[in-house]
PDB file of N, CA and C in Angstrom:
ATOM      1  N   MET A   1     -16.047  15.784   1.087  1.00  0.00           N
ATOM      2  CA  MET A   1     -15.256  15.638  -0.100  1.00  0.00           C
ATOM      3  C   MET A   1     -14.811  17.015  -0.613  1.00  0.00           C
ATOM      4  N   VAL A   2     -15.686  17.989  -0.484  1.00  0.00           N
ATOM      5  CA  VAL A   2     -15.331  19.336  -0.935  1.00  0.00           C
ATOM      6  C   VAL A   2     -14.224  19.905  -0.060  1.00  0.00           C
ATOM      7  N   TRP A   3     -14.350  19.712   1.258  1.00  0.00           N
ATOM      8  CA  TRP A   3     -13.334  20.216   2.181  1.00  0.00           C
ATOM      9  C   TRP A   3     -11.977  19.610   1.878  1.00  0.00           C
ATOM     10  N   ARG A   4     -11.933  18.326   1.653  1.00  0.00           N
ATOM     11  CA  ARG A   4     -10.665  17.657   1.375  1.00  0.00           C
ATOM     12  C   ARG A   4     -10.065  18.147   0.058  1.00  0.00           C
ATOM     13  N   THR A   5     -10.883  18.320  -0.941  1.00  0.00           N
ATOM     14  CA  THR A   5     -10.392  18.809  -2.223  1.00  0.00           C
ATOM     15  C   THR A   5      -9.832  20.216  -2.092  1.00  0.00           C
ATOM     16  N   LEU A   6     -10.546  21.084  -1.389  1.00  0.00           N
ATOM     17  CA  LEU A   6     -10.051  22.449  -1.167  1.00  0.00           C
ATOM     18  C   LEU A   6      -8.752  22.447  -0.376  1.00  0.00           C
ATOM     19  N   PHE A   7      -8.646  21.569   0.600  1.00  0.00           N
ATOM     20  CA  PHE A   7      -7.421  21.478   1.396  1.00  0.00           C
ATOM     21  C   PHE A   7      -6.242  21.052   0.528  1.00  0.00           C
ATOM     22  N   VAL A   8      -6.431  20.055  -0.297  1.00  0.00           N
ATOM     23  CA  VAL A   8      -5.354  19.569  -1.168  1.00  0.00           C
ATOM     24  C   VAL A   8      -4.944  20.645  -2.168  1.00  0.00           C
ATOM     25  N   VAL A   9      -5.919  21.324  -2.758  1.00  0.00           N
ATOM     26  CA  VAL A   9      -5.604  22.382  -3.718  1.00  0.00           C
ATOM     27  C   VAL A   9      -4.847  23.517  -3.036  1.00  0.00           C
ATOM     28  N   THR A  10      -5.303  23.935  -1.866  1.00  0.00           N
ATOM     29  CA  THR A  10      -4.635  25.012  -1.135  1.00  0.00           C
ATOM     30  C   THR A  10      -3.212  24.626  -0.758  1.00  0.00           C
ATOM     31  N   THR A  11      -3.029  23.440  -0.253  1.00  0.00           N
ATOM     32  CA  THR A  11      -1.692  22.983   0.127  1.00  0.00           C
ATOM     33  C   THR A  11      -0.776  22.895  -1.091  1.00  0.00           C
ATOM     34  N   THR A  12      -1.290  22.437  -2.191  1.00  0.00           N
ATOM     35  CA  THR A  12      -0.489  22.340  -3.412  1.00  0.00           C
ATOM     36  C   THR A  12      -0.073  23.715  -3.911  1.00  0.00           C
ATOM     37  N   VAL A  13      -0.977  24.668  -3.880  1.00  0.00           N
ATOM     38  CA  VAL A  13      -0.647  26.022  -4.318  1.00  0.00           C
ATOM     39  C   VAL A  13       0.408  26.643  -3.402  1.00  0.00           C
ATOM     40  N   ILE A  14       0.250  26.472  -2.100  1.00  0.00           N
ATOM     41  CA  ILE A  14       1.249  27.005  -1.161  1.00  0.00           C
ATOM     42  C   ILE A  14       2.601  26.361  -1.401  1.00  0.00           C
ATOM     43  N   SER A  15       2.615  25.066  -1.624  1.00  0.00           N
ATOM     44  CA  SER A  15       3.898  24.383  -1.846  1.00  0.00           C
ATOM     45  C   SER A  15       4.553  24.821  -3.149  1.00  0.00           C
ATOM     46  N   MET A  16       3.767  25.173  -4.132  1.00  0.00           N
ATOM     47  CA  MET A  16       4.334  25.648  -5.392  1.00  0.00           C
ATOM     48  C   MET A  16       4.878  27.068  -5.251  1.00  0.00           C
ATOM     49  N   LEU A  17       4.263  27.879  -4.405  1.00  0.00           N
ATOM     50  CA  LEU A  17       4.703  29.259  -4.219  1.00  0.00           C
ATOM     51  C   LEU A  17       5.941  29.361  -3.338  1.00  0.00           C
ATOM     52  N   LEU A  18       6.112  28.430  -2.431  1.00  0.00           N
ATOM     53  CA  LEU A  18       7.253  28.450  -1.522  1.00  0.00           C
ATOM     54  C   LEU A  18       8.242  27.360  -1.917  1.00  0.00           C
ATOM     55  N   PRO A  19       9.375  27.728  -2.484  1.00  0.00           N
ATOM     56  CA  PRO A  19      10.326  26.717  -2.933  1.00  0.00           C
ATOM     57  C   PRO A  19      10.957  25.934  -1.788  1.00  0.00           C
ATOM     58  N   PHE A  20      10.877  26.436  -0.589  1.00  0.00           N
ATOM     59  CA  PHE A  20      11.461  25.741   0.557  1.00  0.00           C
ATOM     60  C   PHE A  20      10.395  25.054   1.401  1.00  0.00           C
ATOM     61  N   PHE A  21       9.257  24.739   0.792  1.00  0.00           N
ATOM     62  CA  PHE A  21       8.158  24.094   1.487  1.00  0.00           C
ATOM     63  C   PHE A  21       8.567  22.736   2.058  1.00  0.00           C
ATOM     64  N   GLY A  22       9.370  21.984   1.307  1.00  0.00           N
ATOM     65  CA  GLY A  22       9.838  20.679   1.786  1.00  0.00           C
ATOM     66  C   GLY A  22      10.687  20.803   3.035  1.00  0.00           C
ATOM     67  N   GLY A  23      11.492  21.850   3.121  1.00  0.00           N
ATOM     68  CA  GLY A  23      12.292  22.088   4.317  1.00  0.00           C
ATOM     69  C   GLY A  23      11.433  22.394   5.525  1.00  0.00           C
ATOM     70  N   VAL A  24      10.373  23.164   5.313  1.00  0.00           N
ATOM     71  CA  VAL A  24       9.457  23.491   6.418  1.00  0.00           C
ATOM     72  C   VAL A  24       8.740  22.237   6.894  1.00  0.00           C
ATOM     73  N   VAL A  25       8.304  21.422   5.971  1.00  0.00           N
ATOM     74  CA  VAL A  25       7.628  20.174   6.339  1.00  0.00           C
ATOM     75  C   VAL A  25       8.585  19.237   7.079  1.00  0.00           C
ATOM     76  N   SER A  26       9.840  19.174   6.641  1.00  0.00           N
ATOM     77  CA  SER A  26      10.802  18.313   7.336  1.00  0.00           C
ATOM     78  C   SER A  26      11.112  18.846   8.727  1.00  0.00           C
ATOM     79  N   LEU A  27      11.118  20.154   8.898  1.00  0.00           N
ATOM     80  CA  LEU A  27      11.328  20.723  10.232  1.00  0.00           C
ATOM     81  C   LEU A  27      10.163  20.379  11.160  1.00  0.00           C
ATOM     82  N   LEU A  28       8.959  20.506  10.675  1.00  0.00           N
ATOM     83  CA  LEU A  28       7.796  20.137  11.482  1.00  0.00           C
ATOM     84  C   LEU A  28       7.808  18.647  11.818  1.00  0.00           C
ATOM     85  N   GLY A  29       8.212  17.831  10.858  1.00  0.00           N
ATOM     86  CA  GLY A  29       8.311  16.396  11.112  1.00  0.00           C
ATOM     87  C   GLY A  29       9.372  16.055  12.138  1.00  0.00           C
ATOM     88  N   ALA A  30      10.487  16.776  12.093  1.00  0.00           N
ATOM     89  CA  ALA A  30      11.552  16.530  13.062  1.00  0.00           C
ATOM     90  C   ALA A  30      11.096  16.897  14.469  1.00  0.00           C
ATOM     91  N   PHE A  31      10.341  17.991  14.586  1.00  0.00           N
ATOM     92  CA  PHE A  31       9.845  18.387  15.907  1.00  0.00           C
ATOM     93  C   PHE A  31       8.774  17.437  16.432  1.00  0.00           C
ATOM     94  N   ALA A  32       7.977  16.863  15.546  1.00  0.00           N
ATOM     95  CA  ALA A  32       6.876  16.013  15.975  1.00  0.00           C
ATOM     96  C   ALA A  32       7.284  14.555  16.155  1.00  0.00           C
ATOM     97  N   PHE A  33       8.382  14.117  15.531  1.00  0.00           N
ATOM     98  CA  PHE A  33       8.742  12.698  15.550  1.00  0.00           C
ATOM     99  C   PHE A  33       8.988  12.166  16.957  1.00  0.00           C
ATOM    100  N   TRP A  34       9.912  12.783  17.684  1.00  0.00           N
ATOM    101  CA  TRP A  34      10.323  12.202  18.961  1.00  0.00           C
ATOM    102  C   TRP A  34       9.213  12.176  20.011  1.00  0.00           C
ATOM    103  N   PRO A  35       8.539  13.288  20.286  1.00  0.00           N
ATOM    104  CA  PRO A  35       7.546  13.201  21.352  1.00  0.00           C
ATOM    105  C   PRO A  35       6.346  12.322  21.009  1.00  0.00           C
ATOM    106  N   LEU A  36       5.872  12.392  19.785  1.00  0.00           N
ATOM    107  CA  LEU A  36       4.653  11.665  19.448  1.00  0.00           C
ATOM    108  C   LEU A  36       4.887  10.200  19.108  1.00  0.00           C
ATOM    109  N   THR A  37       6.039   9.886  18.534  1.00  0.00           N
ATOM    110  CA  THR A  37       6.283   8.529  18.079  1.00  0.00           C
ATOM    111  C   THR A  37       7.108   7.705  19.054  1.00  0.00           C
ATOM    112  N   VAL A  38       7.937   8.366  19.856  1.00  0.00           N
ATOM    113  CA  VAL A  38       8.841   7.615  20.727  1.00  0.00           C
ATOM    114  C   VAL A  38       8.589   7.903  22.204  1.00  0.00           C
ATOM    115  N   TYR A  39       8.734   9.150  22.621  1.00  0.00           N
ATOM    116  CA  TYR A  39       8.743   9.464  24.046  1.00  0.00           C
ATOM    117  C   TYR A  39       7.452   9.065  24.764  1.00  0.00           C
ATOM    118  N   PHE A  40       6.305   9.569  24.293  1.00  0.00           N
ATOM    119  CA  PHE A  40       5.050   9.272  24.983  1.00  0.00           C
ATOM    120  C   PHE A  40       4.697   7.789  24.960  1.00  0.00           C
ATOM    121  N   PRO A  41       4.826   7.092  23.823  1.00  0.00           N
ATOM    122  CA  PRO A  41       4.537   5.655  23.861  1.00  0.00           C
ATOM    123  C   PRO A  41       5.472   4.865  24.791  1.00  0.00           C
ATOM    124  N   VAL A  42       6.753   5.232  24.822  1.00  0.00           N
ATOM    125  CA  VAL A  42       7.694   4.532  25.709  1.00  0.00           C
ATOM    126  C   VAL A  42       7.328   4.781  27.158  1.00  0.00           C
ATOM    127  N   GLU A  43       7.040   6.026  27.500  1.00  0.00           N
ATOM    128  CA  GLU A  43       6.672   6.339  28.889  1.00  0.00           C
ATOM    129  C   GLU A  43       5.364   5.670  29.287  1.00  0.00           C
ATOM    130  N   MET A  44       4.403   5.603  28.377  1.00  0.00           N
ATOM    131  CA  MET A  44       3.142   4.920  28.685  1.00  0.00           C
ATOM    132  C   MET A  44       3.363   3.422  28.863  1.00  0.00           C
ATOM    133  N   TYR A  45       4.214   2.837  28.040  1.00  0.00           N
ATOM    134  CA  TYR A  45       4.518   1.409  28.167  1.00  0.00           C
ATOM    135  C   TYR A  45       5.180   1.125  29.515  1.00  0.00           C
ATOM    136  N   ILE A  46       6.136   1.956  29.887  1.00  0.00           N
ATOM    137  CA  ILE A  46       6.822   1.780  31.176  1.00  0.00           C
ATOM    138  C   ILE A  46       5.820   1.897  32.321  1.00  0.00           C
ATOM    139  N   SER A  47       4.924   2.863  32.229  1.00  0.00           N
ATOM    140  CA  SER A  47       3.933   3.069  33.279  1.00  0.00           C
ATOM    141  C   SER A  47       2.923   1.925  33.333  1.00  0.00           C
ATOM    142  N   GLN A  48       2.462   1.470  32.174  1.00  0.00           N
ATOM    143  CA  GLN A  48       1.477   0.398  32.117  1.00  0.00           C
ATOM    144  C   GLN A  48       2.024  -0.918  32.647  1.00  0.00           C
ATOM    145  N   LYS A  49       3.235  -1.244  32.233  1.00  0.00           N
ATOM    146  CA  LYS A  49       3.829  -2.527  32.628  1.00  0.00           C
ATOM    147  C   LYS A  49       4.520  -2.453  33.988  1.00  0.00           C
ATOM    148  N   LYS A  50       4.535  -1.253  34.579  1.00  0.00           N
ATOM    149  CA  LYS A  50       5.167  -1.039  35.892  1.00  0.00           C
ATOM    150  C   LYS A  50       6.614  -1.553  35.911  1.00  0.00           C
ATOM    151  N   ILE A  51       7.365  -1.116  34.911  1.00  0.00           N
ATOM    152  CA  ILE A  51       8.764  -1.516  34.801  1.00  0.00           C
ATOM    153  C   ILE A  51       9.573  -0.714  35.825  1.00  0.00           C
ATOM    154  N   PRO A  52      10.319  -1.386  36.677  1.00  0.00           N
ATOM    155  CA  PRO A  52      11.087  -0.656  37.707  1.00  0.00           C
ATOM    156  C   PRO A  52      12.230   0.147  37.095  1.00  0.00           C
ATOM    157  N   LYS A  53      12.485   1.310  37.717  1.00  0.00           N
ATOM    158  CA  LYS A  53      13.582   2.155  37.232  1.00  0.00           C
ATOM    159  C   LYS A  53      14.903   1.420  37.373  1.00  0.00           C
ATOM    160  N   TRP A  54      15.779   1.689  36.422  1.00  0.00           N
ATOM    161  CA  TRP A  54      17.138   1.164  36.363  1.00  0.00           C
ATOM    162  C   TRP A  54      17.202  -0.338  36.117  1.00  0.00           C
ATOM    163  N   SER A  55      16.073  -0.951  35.730  1.00  0.00           N
ATOM    164  CA  SER A  55      16.135  -2.350  35.303  1.00  0.00           C
ATOM    165  C   SER A  55      16.661  -2.385  33.866  1.00  0.00           C
ATOM    166  N   THR A  56      17.002  -3.568  33.402  1.00  0.00           N
ATOM    167  CA  THR A  56      17.558  -3.702  32.048  1.00  0.00           C
ATOM    168  C   THR A  56      16.567  -3.221  30.997  1.00  0.00           C
ATOM    169  N   ARG A  57      15.318  -3.605  31.119  1.00  0.00           N
ATOM    170  CA  ARG A  57      14.296  -3.189  30.151  1.00  0.00           C
ATOM    171  C   ARG A  57      14.109  -1.669  30.183  1.00  0.00           C
ATOM    172  N   TRP A  58      14.069  -1.078  31.370  1.00  0.00           N
ATOM    173  CA  TRP A  58      13.926   0.368  31.505  1.00  0.00           C
ATOM    174  C   TRP A  58      15.103   1.091  30.855  1.00  0.00           C
ATOM    175  N   LEU A  59      16.311   0.602  31.101  1.00  0.00           N
ATOM    176  CA  LEU A  59      17.495   1.224  30.499  1.00  0.00           C
ATOM    177  C   LEU A  59      17.475   1.118  28.974  1.00  0.00           C
ATOM    178  N   CYS A  60      17.057  -0.030  28.457  1.00  0.00           N
ATOM    179  CA  CYS A  60      16.993  -0.197  26.994  1.00  0.00           C
ATOM    180  C   CYS A  60      15.956   0.742  26.387  1.00  0.00           C
ATOM    181  N   LEU A  61      14.808   0.862  27.015  1.00  0.00           N
ATOM    182  CA  LEU A  61      13.778   1.756  26.490  1.00  0.00           C
ATOM    183  C   LEU A  61      14.217   3.221  26.559  1.00  0.00           C
ATOM    184  N   GLN A  62      14.864   3.608  27.639  1.00  0.00           N
ATOM    185  CA  GLN A  62      15.342   4.984  27.760  1.00  0.00           C
ATOM    186  C   GLN A  62      16.467   5.259  26.758  1.00  0.00           C
ATOM    187  N   THR A  63      17.314   4.264  26.518  1.00  0.00           N
ATOM    188  CA  THR A  63      18.382   4.412  25.518  1.00  0.00           C
ATOM    189  C   THR A  63      17.781   4.589  24.128  1.00  0.00           C
ATOM    190  N   LEU A  64      16.751   3.814  23.814  1.00  0.00           N
ATOM    191  CA  LEU A  64      16.049   3.974  22.543  1.00  0.00           C
ATOM    192  C   LEU A  64      15.463   5.375  22.420  1.00  0.00           C
ATOM    193  N   SER A  65      14.860   5.862  23.482  1.00  0.00           N
ATOM    194  CA  SER A  65      14.255   7.186  23.467  1.00  0.00           C
ATOM    195  C   SER A  65      15.306   8.275  23.253  1.00  0.00           C
ATOM    196  N   VAL A  66      16.432   8.178  23.930  1.00  0.00           N
ATOM    197  CA  VAL A  66      17.497   9.179  23.778  1.00  0.00           C
ATOM    198  C   VAL A  66      18.106   9.113  22.375  1.00  0.00           C
ATOM    199  N   ALA A  67      18.284   7.912  21.848  1.00  0.00           N
ATOM    200  CA  ALA A  67      18.827   7.779  20.493  1.00  0.00           C
ATOM    201  C   ALA A  67      17.895   8.424  19.469  1.00  0.00           C
ATOM    202  N   CYS A  68      16.599   8.215  19.620  1.00  0.00           N
ATOM    203  CA  CYS A  68      15.640   8.837  18.699  1.00  0.00           C
ATOM    204  C   CYS A  68      15.584  10.344  18.888  1.00  0.00           C
ATOM    205  N   LEU A  69      15.791  10.829  20.114  1.00  0.00           N
ATOM    206  CA  LEU A  69      15.858  12.274  20.354  1.00  0.00           C
ATOM    207  C   LEU A  69      17.053  12.874  19.620  1.00  0.00           C
ATOM    208  N   ILE A  70      18.183  12.205  19.668  1.00  0.00           N
ATOM    209  CA  ILE A  70      19.379  12.691  18.972  1.00  0.00           C
ATOM    210  C   ILE A  70      19.140  12.716  17.460  1.00  0.00           C
ATOM    211  N   ILE A  71      18.509  11.682  16.937  1.00  0.00           N
ATOM    212  CA  ILE A  71      18.185  11.647  15.508  1.00  0.00           C
ATOM    213  C   ILE A  71      17.238  12.789  15.151  1.00  0.00           C
ATOM    214  N   SER A  72      16.256  13.046  15.995  1.00  0.00           N
ATOM    215  CA  SER A  72      15.299  14.120  15.736  1.00  0.00           C
ATOM    216  C   SER A  72      15.971  15.492  15.781  1.00  0.00           C
ATOM    217  N   ILE A  73      16.884  15.702  16.720  1.00  0.00           N
ATOM    218  CA  ILE A  73      17.616  16.969  16.800  1.00  0.00           C
ATOM    219  C   ILE A  73      18.489  17.151  15.563  1.00  0.00           C
ATOM    220  N   THR A  74      19.126  16.078  15.131  1.00  0.00           N
ATOM    221  CA  THR A  74      19.951  16.137  13.923  1.00  0.00           C
ATOM    222  C   THR A  74      19.108  16.456  12.691  1.00  0.00           C
ATOM    223  N   ALA A  75      17.943  15.840  12.594  1.00  0.00           N
ATOM    224  CA  ALA A  75      17.049  16.115  11.464  1.00  0.00           C
ATOM    225  C   ALA A  75      16.567  17.562  11.492  1.00  0.00           C
ATOM    226  N   ALA A  76      16.274  18.088  12.678  1.00  0.00           N
ATOM    227  CA  ALA A  76      15.846  19.488  12.787  1.00  0.00           C
ATOM    228  C   ALA A  76      16.976  20.430  12.384  1.00  0.00           C
ATOM    229  N   ALA A  77      18.191  20.120  12.781  1.00  0.00           N
ATOM    230  CA  ALA A  77      19.335  20.955  12.392  1.00  0.00           C
ATOM    231  C   ALA A  77      19.534  20.931  10.874  1.00  0.00           C
ATOM    232  N   GLY A  78      19.382  19.771  10.271  1.00  0.00           N
ATOM    233  CA  GLY A  78      19.495  19.670   8.820  1.00  0.00           C
ATOM    234  C   GLY A  78      18.389  20.431   8.103  1.00  0.00           C
ATOM    235  N   ALA A  79      17.183  20.372   8.650  1.00  0.00           N
ATOM    236  CA  ALA A  79      16.068  21.105   8.045  1.00  0.00           C
ATOM    237  C   ALA A  79      16.279  22.606   8.147  1.00  0.00           C
ATOM    238  N   ILE A  80      16.778  23.063   9.293  1.00  0.00           N
ATOM    239  CA  ILE A  80      17.055  24.491   9.462  1.00  0.00           C
ATOM    240  C   ILE A  80      18.141  24.937   8.494  1.00  0.00           C
ATOM    241  N   ALA A  81      19.179  24.128   8.331  1.00  0.00           N
ATOM    242  CA  ALA A  81      20.245  24.465   7.381  1.00  0.00           C
ATOM    243  C   ALA A  81      19.713  24.516   5.952  1.00  0.00           C
ATOM    244  N   ALA A  82      18.850  23.585   5.597  1.00  0.00           N
ATOM    245  CA  ALA A  82      18.284  23.565   4.246  1.00  0.00           C
ATOM    246  C   ALA A  82      17.385  24.779   4.010  1.00  0.00           C
ATOM    247  N   ILE A  83      16.586  25.122   4.999  1.00  0.00           N
ATOM    248  CA  ILE A  83      15.702  26.288   4.865  1.00  0.00           C
ATOM    249  C   ILE A  83      16.526  27.555   4.725  1.00  0.00           C
ATOM    250  N   SER A  84      17.549  27.719   5.562  1.00  0.00           N
ATOM    251  CA  SER A  84      18.356  28.939   5.486  1.00  0.00           C
ATOM    252  C   SER A  84      19.091  29.028   4.151  1.00  0.00           C
ATOM    253  N   HIS A  85      19.535  27.900   3.636  1.00  0.00           N
ATOM    254  CA  HIS A  85      20.197  27.899   2.322  1.00  0.00           C
ATOM    255  C   HIS A  85      19.207  28.257   1.220  1.00  0.00           C
ATOM    256  N   ASP A  86      18.008  27.669   1.279  1.00  0.00           N
ATOM    257  CA  ASP A  86      17.000  27.955   0.263  1.00  0.00           C
ATOM    258  C   ASP A  86      16.522  29.403   0.311  1.00  0.00           C
ATOM    259  N   VAL A  87      16.402  29.956   1.500  1.00  0.00           N
ATOM    260  CA  VAL A  87      15.962  31.347   1.621  1.00  0.00           C
ATOM    261  C   VAL A  87      16.990  32.294   1.008  1.00  0.00           C
ATOM    262  N   LYS A  88      18.267  31.965   1.154  1.00  0.00           N
ATOM    263  CA  LYS A  88      19.324  32.817   0.600  1.00  0.00           C
ATOM    264  C   LYS A  88      19.406  32.727  -0.927  1.00  0.00           C
ATOM    265  N   THR A  89      19.118  31.559  -1.482  1.00  0.00           N
ATOM    266  CA  THR A  89      19.356  31.350  -2.915  1.00  0.00           C
ATOM    267  C   THR A  89      18.122  31.490  -3.790  1.00  0.00           C
ATOM    268  N   THR A  90      16.927  31.501  -3.210  1.00  0.00           N
ATOM    269  CA  THR A  90      15.726  31.567  -4.042  1.00  0.00           C
ATOM    270  C   THR A  90      15.021  32.905  -3.884  1.00  0.00           C
ATOM    271  N   LYS A  91      14.249  33.233  -4.896  1.00  0.00           N
ATOM    272  CA  LYS A  91      13.410  34.432  -4.863  1.00  0.00           C
ATOM    273  C   LYS A  91      11.959  33.962  -4.874  1.00  0.00           C
ATOM    274  N   PRO A  92      11.216  34.235  -3.801  1.00  0.00           N
ATOM    275  CA  PRO A  92       9.809  33.790  -3.767  1.00  0.00           C
ATOM    276  C   PRO A  92       9.012  34.391  -4.921  1.00  0.00           C
ATOM    277  N   PHE A  93       8.084  33.623  -5.422  1.00  0.00           N
ATOM    278  CA  PHE A  93       7.184  34.011  -6.508  1.00  0.00           C
ATOM    279  C   PHE A  93       7.936  34.365  -7.786  1.00  0.00           C
ATOM    280  N   HIS A  94       9.100  33.763  -7.973  1.00  0.00           N
ATOM    281  CA  HIS A  94       9.898  34.000  -9.168  1.00  0.00           C
ATOM    282  C   HIS A  94      10.170  32.664  -9.824  1.00  0.00           C
ATOM    283  N   THR A  95       9.875  32.576 -11.109  1.00  0.00           N
ATOM    284  CA  THR A  95      10.126  31.331 -11.826  1.00  0.00           C
ATOM    285  C   THR A  95      11.343  31.467 -12.704  1.00  0.00           C
ATOM    286  N   SER A  96      12.056  30.394 -12.869  1.00  0.00           N
ATOM    287  CA  SER A  96      13.224  30.396 -13.743  1.00  0.00           C
ATOM    288  C   SER A  96      13.059  29.273 -14.755  1.00  0.00           C
ATOM    289  N   TYR A  97      12.822  29.647 -15.990  1.00  0.00           N
ATOM    290  CA  TYR A  97      12.626  28.651 -17.055  1.00  0.00           C
ATOM    291  C   TYR A  97      13.862  28.560 -17.889  1.00  0.00           C
TER     292      TYR A  97
END
């Protein structure tokens, strides 16, 4: 319980100090989404069920995987654009009331 509380407090303080923390988190999420949520599970399913290459089911699963890859690349590009914009317009450790 102490470890979790310290982790939450530390993460909250870091997020308050870095105004572009949300952009960094979205970039990490964009990088982690496709391989962990789509690619590996689809490939394991294909391997487990022994789906033959170029069958209709295989093509549909690969199309789903490529579509999610494109979405993930787009999300990463948006996160990079947001971070670069925030870095240019904000001053770290500076508050504006």
